[in-house]
Amino acid sequence: MEGLDILLSMHGTVVYRDDGYWWKIEVWTVLPTIVAIEGKSHESQNRHYV
């Protein structure tokens, strides 16, 4: 497994700490989209894939 596969395999994992705190890992894939950065023009050089 590499990179993204490792992250995807961790989906749903809950980590409990000894001090009572915990966190849950949620990971999923999405289709790439082009968005304009807020405050910038909509010219092609100001669009970024997220």
PDB file of N, CA and C in Angstrom:
ATOM      1  N   MET A   1       0.845  -1.194   0.000  1.00  0.00           N
ATOM      2  CA  MET A   1       0.000   0.000   0.000  1.00  0.00           C
ATOM      3  C   MET A   1       0.880   1.243   0.000  1.00  0.00           C
ATOM      4  N   GLU A   2       0.392   2.264  -0.674  1.00  0.00           N
ATOM      5  CA  GLU A   2       1.117   3.536  -0.713  1.00  0.00           C
ATOM      6  C   GLU A   2       0.172   4.695  -0.470  1.00  0.00           C
ATOM      7  N   GLY A   3       0.690   5.799   0.045  1.00  0.00           N
ATOM      8  CA  GLY A   3       0.025   7.085   0.185  1.00  0.00           C
ATOM      9  C   GLY A   3      -1.474   7.067   0.381  1.00  0.00           C
ATOM     10  N   LEU A   4      -2.195   7.319  -0.703  1.00  0.00           N
ATOM     11  CA  LEU A   4      -3.648   7.441  -0.638  1.00  0.00           C
ATOM     12  C   LEU A   4      -4.305   6.154  -0.160  1.00  0.00           C
ATOM     13  N   ASP A   5      -3.783   5.013  -0.601  1.00  0.00           N
ATOM     14  CA  ASP A   5      -4.354   3.732  -0.169  1.00  0.00           C
ATOM     15  C   ASP A   5      -4.260   3.562   1.343  1.00  0.00           C
ATOM     16  N   ILE A   6      -3.147   4.005   1.925  1.00  0.00           N
ATOM     17  CA  ILE A   6      -2.983   3.915   3.377  1.00  0.00           C
ATOM     18  C   ILE A   6      -4.020   4.787   4.070  1.00  0.00           C
ATOM     19  N   LEU A   7      -4.175   6.022   3.596  1.00  0.00           N
ATOM     20  CA  LEU A   7      -5.167   6.919   4.196  1.00  0.00           C
ATOM     21  C   LEU A   7      -6.574   6.353   4.059  1.00  0.00           C
ATOM     22  N   LEU A   8      -6.924   5.861   2.879  1.00  0.00           N
ATOM     23  CA  LEU A   8      -8.262   5.306   2.672  1.00  0.00           C
ATOM     24  C   LEU A   8      -8.518   4.097   3.564  1.00  0.00           C
ATOM     25  N   SER A   9      -7.491   3.299   3.819  1.00  0.00           N
ATOM     26  CA  SER A   9      -7.672   2.125   4.677  1.00  0.00           C
ATOM     27  C   SER A   9      -7.900   2.514   6.135  1.00  0.00           C
ATOM     28  N   MET A  10      -7.561   3.740   6.515  1.00  0.00           N
ATOM     29  CA  MET A  10      -7.739   4.199   7.896  1.00  0.00           C
ATOM     30  C   MET A  10      -9.132   4.778   8.147  1.00  0.00           C
ATOM     31  N   HIS A  11      -9.972   4.888   7.118  1.00  0.00           N
ATOM     32  CA  HIS A  11     -11.313   5.446   7.268  1.00  0.00           C
ATOM     33  C   HIS A  11     -12.074   4.705   8.370  1.00  0.00           C
ATOM     34  N   GLY A  12     -12.654   5.479   9.276  1.00  0.00           N
ATOM     35  CA  GLY A  12     -13.441   4.905  10.357  1.00  0.00           C
ATOM     36  C   GLY A  12     -12.646   4.568  11.617  1.00  0.00           C
ATOM     37  N   THR A  13     -11.326   4.698  11.558  1.00  0.00           N
ATOM     38  CA  THR A  13     -10.490   4.408  12.717  1.00  0.00           C
ATOM     39  C   THR A  13     -10.716   5.453  13.809  1.00  0.00           C
ATOM     40  N   VAL A  14     -10.906   4.995  15.037  1.00  0.00           N
ATOM     41  CA  VAL A  14     -11.046   5.898  16.176  1.00  0.00           C
ATOM     42  C   VAL A  14      -9.810   5.708  17.054  1.00  0.00           C
ATOM     43  N   VAL A  15      -9.167   6.816  17.417  1.00  0.00           N
ATOM     44  CA  VAL A  15      -7.965   6.783  18.255  1.00  0.00           C
ATOM     45  C   VAL A  15      -8.319   7.388  19.609  1.00  0.00           C
ATOM     46  N   TYR A  16      -8.117   6.627  20.673  1.00  0.00           N
ATOM     47  CA  TYR A  16      -8.387   7.096  22.028  1.00  0.00           C
ATOM     48  C   TYR A  16      -7.072   7.409  22.727  1.00  0.00           C
ATOM     49  N   ARG A  17      -7.006   8.552  23.383  1.00  0.00           N
ATOM     50  CA  ARG A  17      -5.817   8.942  24.144  1.00  0.00           C
ATOM     51  C   ARG A  17      -6.026   8.655  25.622  1.00  0.00           C
ATOM     52  N   ASP A  18      -4.952   8.508  26.351  1.00  0.00           N
ATOM     53  CA  ASP A  18      -5.025   8.224  27.790  1.00  0.00           C
ATOM     54  C   ASP A  18      -5.646   9.362  28.590  1.00  0.00           C
ATOM     55  N   ASP A  19      -5.582  10.598  28.052  1.00  0.00           N
ATOM     56  CA  ASP A  19      -6.128  11.745  28.788  1.00  0.00           C
ATOM     57  C   ASP A  19      -7.609  11.990  28.496  1.00  0.00           C
ATOM     58  N   GLY A  20      -8.264  11.056  27.799  1.00  0.00           N
ATOM     59  CA  GLY A  20      -9.699  11.168  27.560  1.00  0.00           C
ATOM     60  C   GLY A  20     -10.077  11.748  26.202  1.00  0.00           C
ATOM     61  N   TYR A  21      -9.126  12.333  25.505  1.00  0.00           N
ATOM     62  CA  TYR A  21      -9.417  12.847  24.172  1.00  0.00           C
ATOM     63  C   TYR A  21      -9.396  11.723  23.157  1.00  0.00           C
ATOM     64  N   TRP A  22     -10.100  11.920  22.063  1.00  0.00           N
ATOM     65  CA  TRP A  22     -10.126  10.930  20.997  1.00  0.00           C
ATOM     66  C   TRP A  22     -10.354  11.649  19.671  1.00  0.00           C
ATOM     67  N   TRP A  23     -10.056  10.963  18.576  1.00  0.00           N
ATOM     68  CA  TRP A  23     -10.392  11.480  17.252  1.00  0.00           C
ATOM     69  C   TRP A  23     -10.733  10.325  16.328  1.00  0.00           C
ATOM     70  N   LYS A  24     -11.541  10.647  15.319  1.00  0.00           N
ATOM     71  CA  LYS A  24     -11.968   9.660  14.340  1.00  0.00           C
ATOM     72  C   LYS A  24     -11.458  10.098  12.978  1.00  0.00           C
ATOM     73  N   ILE A  25     -10.913   9.151  12.227  1.00  0.00           N
ATOM     74  CA  ILE A  25     -10.388   9.446  10.894  1.00  0.00           C
ATOM     75  C   ILE A  25     -11.474   9.156   9.865  1.00  0.00           C
ATOM     76  N   GLU A  26     -11.779  10.160   9.048  1.00  0.00           N
ATOM     77  CA  GLU A  26     -12.739   9.987   7.956  1.00  0.00           C
ATOM     78  C   GLU A  26     -12.055  10.411   6.663  1.00  0.00           C
ATOM     79  N   VAL A  27     -11.988   9.497   5.720  1.00  0.00           N
ATOM     80  CA  VAL A  27     -11.286   9.733   4.459  1.00  0.00           C
ATOM     81  C   VAL A  27     -12.156   9.214   3.321  1.00  0.00           C
ATOM     82  N   TRP A  28     -12.236   9.974   2.238  1.00  0.00           N
ATOM     83  CA  TRP A  28     -12.945   9.502   1.057  1.00  0.00           C
ATOM     84  C   TRP A  28     -12.380  10.193  -0.166  1.00  0.00           C
ATOM     85  N   THR A  29     -12.637   9.614  -1.322  1.00  0.00           N
ATOM     86  CA  THR A  29     -12.177  10.221  -2.578  1.00  0.00           C
ATOM     87  C   THR A  29     -13.326  11.014  -3.185  1.00  0.00           C
ATOM     88  N   VAL A  30     -12.970  12.059  -3.897  1.00  0.00           N
ATOM     89  CA  VAL A  30     -13.943  12.883  -4.610  1.00  0.00           C
ATOM     90  C   VAL A  30     -13.402  13.162  -6.006  1.00  0.00           C
ATOM     91  N   LEU A  31     -14.277  13.521  -6.906  1.00  0.00           N
ATOM     92  CA  LEU A  31     -13.837  13.886  -8.246  1.00  0.00           C
ATOM     93  C   LEU A  31     -13.168  15.254  -8.200  1.00  0.00           C
ATOM     94  N   PRO A  32     -12.101  15.456  -8.971  1.00  0.00           N
ATOM     95  CA  PRO A  32     -11.449  16.771  -8.976  1.00  0.00           C
ATOM     96  C   PRO A  32     -12.363  17.820  -9.598  1.00  0.00           C
ATOM     97  N   THR A  33     -12.321  19.022  -9.045  1.00  0.00           N
ATOM     98  CA  THR A  33     -13.094  20.138  -9.580  1.00  0.00           C
ATOM     99  C   THR A  33     -12.185  21.355  -9.690  1.00  0.00           C
ATOM    100  N   ILE A  34     -12.580  22.313 -10.508  1.00  0.00           N
ATOM    101  CA  ILE A  34     -11.845  23.564 -10.629  1.00  0.00           C
ATOM    102  C   ILE A  34     -12.642  24.625  -9.888  1.00  0.00           C
ATOM    103  N   VAL A  35     -11.975  25.326  -8.976  1.00  0.00           N
ATOM    104  CA  VAL A  35     -12.632  26.402  -8.238  1.00  0.00           C
ATOM    105  C   VAL A  35     -11.796  27.661  -8.353  1.00  0.00           C
ATOM    106  N   ALA A  36     -12.460  28.809  -8.298  1.00  0.00           N
ATOM    107  CA  ALA A  36     -11.749  30.080  -8.303  1.00  0.00           C
ATOM    108  C   ALA A  36     -11.463  30.477  -6.870  1.00  0.00           C
ATOM    109  N   ILE A  37     -10.249  30.921  -6.611  1.00  0.00           N
ATOM    110  CA  ILE A  37      -9.875  31.375  -5.279  1.00  0.00           C
ATOM    111  C   ILE A  37     -10.628  32.671  -4.981  1.00  0.00           C
ATOM    112  N   GLU A  38     -11.215  32.769  -3.791  1.00  0.00           N
ATOM    113  CA  GLU A  38     -11.984  33.948  -3.403  1.00  0.00           C
ATOM    114  C   GLU A  38     -11.123  35.195  -3.503  1.00  0.00           C
ATOM    115  N   GLY A  39     -11.685  36.255  -4.087  1.00  0.00           N
ATOM    116  CA  GLY A  39     -10.977  37.521  -4.206  1.00  0.00           C
ATOM    117  C   GLY A  39     -10.099  37.613  -5.439  1.00  0.00           C
ATOM    118  N   LYS A  40     -10.036  36.572  -6.221  1.00  0.00           N
ATOM    119  CA  LYS A  40      -9.224  36.577  -7.445  1.00  0.00           C
ATOM    120  C   LYS A  40     -10.146  36.609  -8.649  1.00  0.00           C
ATOM    121  N   SER A  41      -9.593  36.995  -9.774  1.00  0.00           N
ATOM    122  CA  SER A  41     -10.390  36.985 -11.005  1.00  0.00           C
ATOM    123  C   SER A  41     -10.632  35.538 -11.422  1.00  0.00           C
ATOM    124  N   HIS A  42     -11.510  35.344 -12.366  1.00  0.00           N
ATOM    125  CA  HIS A  42     -11.851  33.999 -12.819  1.00  0.00           C
ATOM    126  C   HIS A  42     -11.042  33.595 -14.039  1.00  0.00           C
ATOM    127  N   GLU A  43      -9.916  34.239 -14.249  1.00  0.00           N
ATOM    128  CA  GLU A  43      -9.022  33.879 -15.343  1.00  0.00           C
ATOM    129  C   GLU A  43      -8.444  32.492 -15.070  1.00  0.00           C
ATOM    130  N   SER A  44      -8.096  31.765 -16.107  1.00  0.00           N
ATOM    131  CA  SER A  44      -7.655  30.373 -15.946  1.00  0.00           C
ATOM    132  C   SER A  44      -6.434  30.239 -15.037  1.00  0.00           C
ATOM    133  N   GLN A  45      -5.534  31.231 -14.986  1.00  0.00           N
ATOM    134  CA  GLN A  45      -4.350  31.086 -14.149  1.00  0.00           C
ATOM    135  C   GLN A  45      -4.682  31.193 -12.655  1.00  0.00           C
ATOM    136  N   ASN A  46      -5.884  31.604 -12.302  1.00  0.00           N
ATOM    137  CA  ASN A  46      -6.269  31.745 -10.897  1.00  0.00           C
ATOM    138  C   ASN A  46      -7.191  30.606 -10.439  1.00  0.00           C
ATOM    139  N   ARG A  47      -7.299  29.574 -11.230  1.00  0.00           N
ATOM    140  CA  ARG A  47      -8.131  28.437 -10.844  1.00  0.00           C
ATOM    141  C   ARG A  47      -7.228  27.317 -10.376  1.00  0.00           C
ATOM    142  N   HIS A  48      -7.691  26.579  -9.381  1.00  0.00           N
ATOM    143  CA  HIS A  48      -6.899  25.515  -8.785  1.00  0.00           C
ATOM    144  C   HIS A  48      -7.727  24.282  -8.605  1.00  0.00           C
ATOM    145  N   TYR A  49      -7.113  23.135  -8.789  1.00  0.00           N
ATOM    146  CA  TYR A  49      -7.791  21.879  -8.508  1.00  0.00           C
ATOM    147  C   TYR A  49      -7.749  21.623  -7.020  1.00  0.00           C
ATOM    148  N   VAL A  50      -8.883  21.165  -6.484  1.00  0.00           N
ATOM    149  CA  VAL A  50      -8.940  20.799  -5.062  1.00  0.00           C
ATOM    150  C   VAL A  50      -9.567  19.428  -4.936  1.00  0.00           C
TER     151      VAL A  50
END
